[in-house]
Amino acid sequence: MGVKDAQSVIATGSQASWDNAVHYYALKKSGNEQIKKHTFGDFLKAKEAGEYEEYDIMKDPYMKKYTYARQ
């Protein structure tokens, strides 16, 4: 993540930024081939353009284990 990525995150707002960061990280950690072509900034633009669906950490078995509500 670079300066432009940080500026994009700041401009987006904290909660939306956090959700997007978690979504990006989850895609990276799961080995998603589609995400390999994106920086975080590119990912945000692609998500805004509809290339990626909305993300819910509680519906992702890999990432849910890192939440407080792991049930």
N, C-alpha and C. Protein backbone atom coordinates (compact mmCIF):
# COMPACT_ATOMS: atom_id res chain seq x y z
N MET A 1 0.85 -1.17 0.00
CA MET A 1 0.00 0.00 0.00
C MET A 1 0.89 1.24 0.00
N GLY A 2 0.55 2.18 -0.84
CA GLY A 2 1.36 3.38 -0.97
C GLY A 2 0.63 4.63 -0.53
N VAL A 3 1.19 5.77 -0.85
CA VAL A 3 0.63 7.06 -0.46
C VAL A 3 -0.74 7.27 -1.08
N LYS A 4 -0.89 6.94 -2.37
CA LYS A 4 -2.19 7.11 -3.03
C LYS A 4 -3.24 6.22 -2.39
N ASP A 5 -2.84 4.99 -2.03
CA ASP A 5 -3.77 4.09 -1.35
C ASP A 5 -4.21 4.67 -0.01
N ALA A 6 -3.26 5.20 0.73
CA ALA A 6 -3.58 5.79 2.04
C ALA A 6 -4.51 6.99 1.87
N GLN A 7 -4.25 7.82 0.88
CA GLN A 7 -5.11 8.98 0.66
C GLN A 7 -6.52 8.54 0.28
N SER A 8 -6.63 7.48 -0.50
CA SER A 8 -7.93 6.95 -0.88
C SER A 8 -8.69 6.44 0.33
N VAL A 9 -7.99 5.75 1.22
CA VAL A 9 -8.61 5.23 2.44
C VAL A 9 -9.10 6.37 3.32
N ILE A 10 -8.29 7.40 3.47
CA ILE A 10 -8.67 8.55 4.30
C ILE A 10 -9.90 9.22 3.72
N ALA A 11 -9.94 9.38 2.42
CA ALA A 11 -11.07 10.04 1.76
C ALA A 11 -12.35 9.22 1.86
N THR A 12 -12.24 7.90 1.91
CA THR A 12 -13.41 7.03 1.94
C THR A 12 -14.13 7.05 3.28
N GLY A 13 -13.41 7.19 4.36
CA GLY A 13 -14.01 7.15 5.69
C GLY A 13 -13.59 5.88 6.41
N SER A 14 -13.56 5.93 7.71
CA SER A 14 -12.95 4.85 8.48
C SER A 14 -13.65 3.50 8.37
N GLN A 15 -14.97 3.42 8.54
CA GLN A 15 -15.63 2.11 8.53
C GLN A 15 -15.60 1.49 7.15
N ALA A 16 -15.92 2.26 6.13
CA ALA A 16 -15.87 1.74 4.76
C ALA A 16 -14.45 1.32 4.42
N SER A 17 -13.49 2.10 4.86
CA SER A 17 -12.09 1.78 4.60
C SER A 17 -11.70 0.47 5.28
N TRP A 18 -12.11 0.31 6.52
CA TRP A 18 -11.79 -0.91 7.25
C TRP A 18 -12.42 -2.12 6.57
N ASP A 19 -13.68 -2.02 6.20
CA ASP A 19 -14.36 -3.13 5.54
C ASP A 19 -13.66 -3.49 4.23
N ASN A 20 -13.26 -2.48 3.47
CA ASN A 20 -12.57 -2.73 2.21
C ASN A 20 -11.19 -3.34 2.44
N ALA A 21 -10.50 -2.88 3.46
CA ALA A 21 -9.18 -3.44 3.78
C ALA A 21 -9.29 -4.91 4.15
N VAL A 22 -10.30 -5.25 4.95
CA VAL A 22 -10.52 -6.64 5.34
C VAL A 22 -10.86 -7.48 4.12
N HIS A 23 -11.71 -6.95 3.25
CA HIS A 23 -12.10 -7.67 2.03
C HIS A 23 -10.87 -7.91 1.16
N TYR A 24 -10.05 -6.90 0.97
CA TYR A 24 -8.83 -7.02 0.16
C TYR A 24 -7.89 -8.06 0.76
N TYR A 25 -7.67 -7.98 2.05
CA TYR A 25 -6.80 -8.91 2.76
C TYR A 25 -7.33 -10.35 2.62
N ALA A 26 -8.63 -10.52 2.78
CA ALA A 26 -9.22 -11.86 2.69
C ALA A 26 -9.02 -12.45 1.30
N LEU A 27 -9.18 -11.63 0.28
CA LEU A 27 -8.96 -12.11 -1.09
C LEU A 27 -7.50 -12.48 -1.31
N LYS A 28 -6.60 -11.65 -0.80
CA LYS A 28 -5.16 -11.93 -0.93
C LYS A 28 -4.80 -13.23 -0.21
N LYS A 29 -5.26 -13.39 1.03
CA LYS A 29 -4.91 -14.56 1.83
C LYS A 29 -5.54 -15.85 1.27
N SER A 30 -6.68 -15.73 0.61
CA SER A 30 -7.32 -16.92 0.07
C SER A 30 -6.73 -17.34 -1.27
N GLY A 31 -5.81 -16.54 -1.81
CA GLY A 31 -5.17 -16.88 -3.07
C GLY A 31 -6.02 -16.59 -4.29
N ASN A 32 -6.97 -15.69 -4.16
CA ASN A 32 -7.84 -15.31 -5.26
C ASN A 32 -7.01 -14.79 -6.43
N GLU A 33 -7.14 -15.44 -7.58
CA GLU A 33 -6.36 -15.06 -8.76
C GLU A 33 -6.72 -13.67 -9.26
N GLN A 34 -7.98 -13.30 -9.16
CA GLN A 34 -8.45 -12.02 -9.67
C GLN A 34 -7.81 -10.84 -8.93
N ILE A 35 -7.51 -11.01 -7.66
CA ILE A 35 -6.98 -9.90 -6.85
C ILE A 35 -5.49 -9.67 -7.13
N LYS A 36 -4.81 -10.64 -7.68
CA LYS A 36 -3.37 -10.52 -7.89
C LYS A 36 -2.99 -9.35 -8.79
N LYS A 37 -3.90 -8.92 -9.64
CA LYS A 37 -3.60 -7.82 -10.57
C LYS A 37 -3.84 -6.45 -9.93
N HIS A 38 -4.32 -6.42 -8.70
CA HIS A 38 -4.72 -5.15 -8.07
C HIS A 38 -3.82 -4.75 -6.90
N THR A 39 -3.54 -3.46 -6.83
CA THR A 39 -3.07 -2.87 -5.59
C THR A 39 -4.32 -2.58 -4.78
N PHE A 40 -4.17 -2.13 -3.56
CA PHE A 40 -5.35 -1.81 -2.76
C PHE A 40 -6.15 -0.69 -3.42
N GLY A 41 -5.46 0.32 -3.94
CA GLY A 41 -6.14 1.42 -4.62
C GLY A 41 -6.90 0.95 -5.85
N ASP A 42 -6.27 0.08 -6.64
CA ASP A 42 -6.95 -0.49 -7.81
C ASP A 42 -8.16 -1.31 -7.38
N PHE A 43 -8.00 -2.05 -6.30
CA PHE A 43 -9.10 -2.86 -5.78
C PHE A 43 -10.29 -1.98 -5.42
N LEU A 44 -10.03 -0.85 -4.75
CA LEU A 44 -11.12 0.05 -4.37
C LEU A 44 -11.87 0.56 -5.61
N LYS A 45 -11.12 0.92 -6.64
CA LYS A 45 -11.74 1.39 -7.88
C LYS A 45 -12.54 0.27 -8.54
N ALA A 46 -11.99 -0.93 -8.56
CA ALA A 46 -12.67 -2.07 -9.16
C ALA A 46 -13.94 -2.41 -8.38
N LYS A 47 -13.87 -2.33 -7.08
CA LYS A 47 -15.04 -2.62 -6.25
C LYS A 47 -16.12 -1.58 -6.47
N GLU A 48 -15.71 -0.34 -6.58
CA GLU A 48 -16.65 0.75 -6.85
C GLU A 48 -17.32 0.56 -8.22
N ALA A 49 -16.59 0.00 -9.15
CA ALA A 49 -17.10 -0.25 -10.50
C ALA A 49 -17.94 -1.52 -10.58
N GLY A 50 -18.06 -2.25 -9.47
CA GLY A 50 -18.89 -3.44 -9.43
C GLY A 50 -18.17 -4.74 -9.76
N GLU A 51 -16.85 -4.70 -9.84
CA GLU A 51 -16.08 -5.90 -10.15
C GLU A 51 -16.09 -6.89 -8.98
N TYR A 52 -16.25 -6.39 -7.77
CA TYR A 52 -16.30 -7.22 -6.57
C TYR A 52 -17.61 -6.98 -5.83
N GLU A 53 -18.14 -8.06 -5.27
CA GLU A 53 -19.38 -7.98 -4.51
C GLU A 53 -19.12 -7.38 -3.12
N GLU A 54 -20.17 -7.04 -2.45
CA GLU A 54 -20.03 -6.59 -1.06
C GLU A 54 -19.52 -7.76 -0.24
N TYR A 55 -18.80 -7.46 0.80
CA TYR A 55 -18.14 -8.49 1.60
C TYR A 55 -18.68 -8.48 3.02
N ASP A 56 -18.95 -9.66 3.53
CA ASP A 56 -19.39 -9.82 4.92
C ASP A 56 -18.44 -10.81 5.60
N ILE A 57 -17.64 -10.31 6.50
CA ILE A 57 -16.64 -11.15 7.16
C ILE A 57 -17.28 -12.33 7.90
N MET A 58 -18.50 -12.16 8.35
CA MET A 58 -19.17 -13.23 9.09
C MET A 58 -19.62 -14.37 8.17
N LYS A 59 -19.64 -14.15 6.87
CA LYS A 59 -20.01 -15.20 5.93
C LYS A 59 -18.78 -15.85 5.29
N ASP A 60 -17.62 -15.41 5.69
CA ASP A 60 -16.37 -15.95 5.15
C ASP A 60 -15.74 -16.85 6.21
N PRO A 61 -15.79 -18.17 6.01
CA PRO A 61 -15.28 -19.09 7.03
C PRO A 61 -13.81 -18.87 7.37
N TYR A 62 -13.00 -18.47 6.40
CA TYR A 62 -11.58 -18.25 6.65
C TYR A 62 -11.37 -17.04 7.57
N MET A 63 -12.05 -15.95 7.31
CA MET A 63 -11.84 -14.72 8.07
C MET A 63 -12.67 -14.65 9.35
N LYS A 64 -13.78 -15.35 9.40
CA LYS A 64 -14.64 -15.30 10.59
C LYS A 64 -13.89 -15.74 11.84
N LYS A 65 -12.94 -16.63 11.69
CA LYS A 65 -12.20 -17.12 12.86
C LYS A 65 -11.38 -16.01 13.52
N TYR A 66 -11.19 -14.90 12.82
CA TYR A 66 -10.43 -13.77 13.38
C TYR A 66 -11.34 -12.72 14.02
N THR A 67 -12.63 -13.00 14.11
CA THR A 67 -13.57 -12.05 14.70
C THR A 67 -13.88 -12.43 16.14
N TYR A 68 -14.47 -11.50 16.84
CA TYR A 68 -14.87 -11.74 18.22
C TYR A 68 -16.03 -12.74 18.28
N ALA A 69 -17.00 -12.62 17.35
CA ALA A 69 -18.17 -13.49 17.32
C ALA A 69 -17.90 -14.68 16.41
N ARG A 70 -17.17 -15.67 16.87
CA ARG A 70 -16.75 -16.80 16.04
C ARG A 70 -17.74 -17.94 15.99
N GLN A 71 -18.91 -17.77 16.46
CA GLN A 71 -19.86 -18.87 16.55
C GLN A 71 -20.25 -19.41 15.21
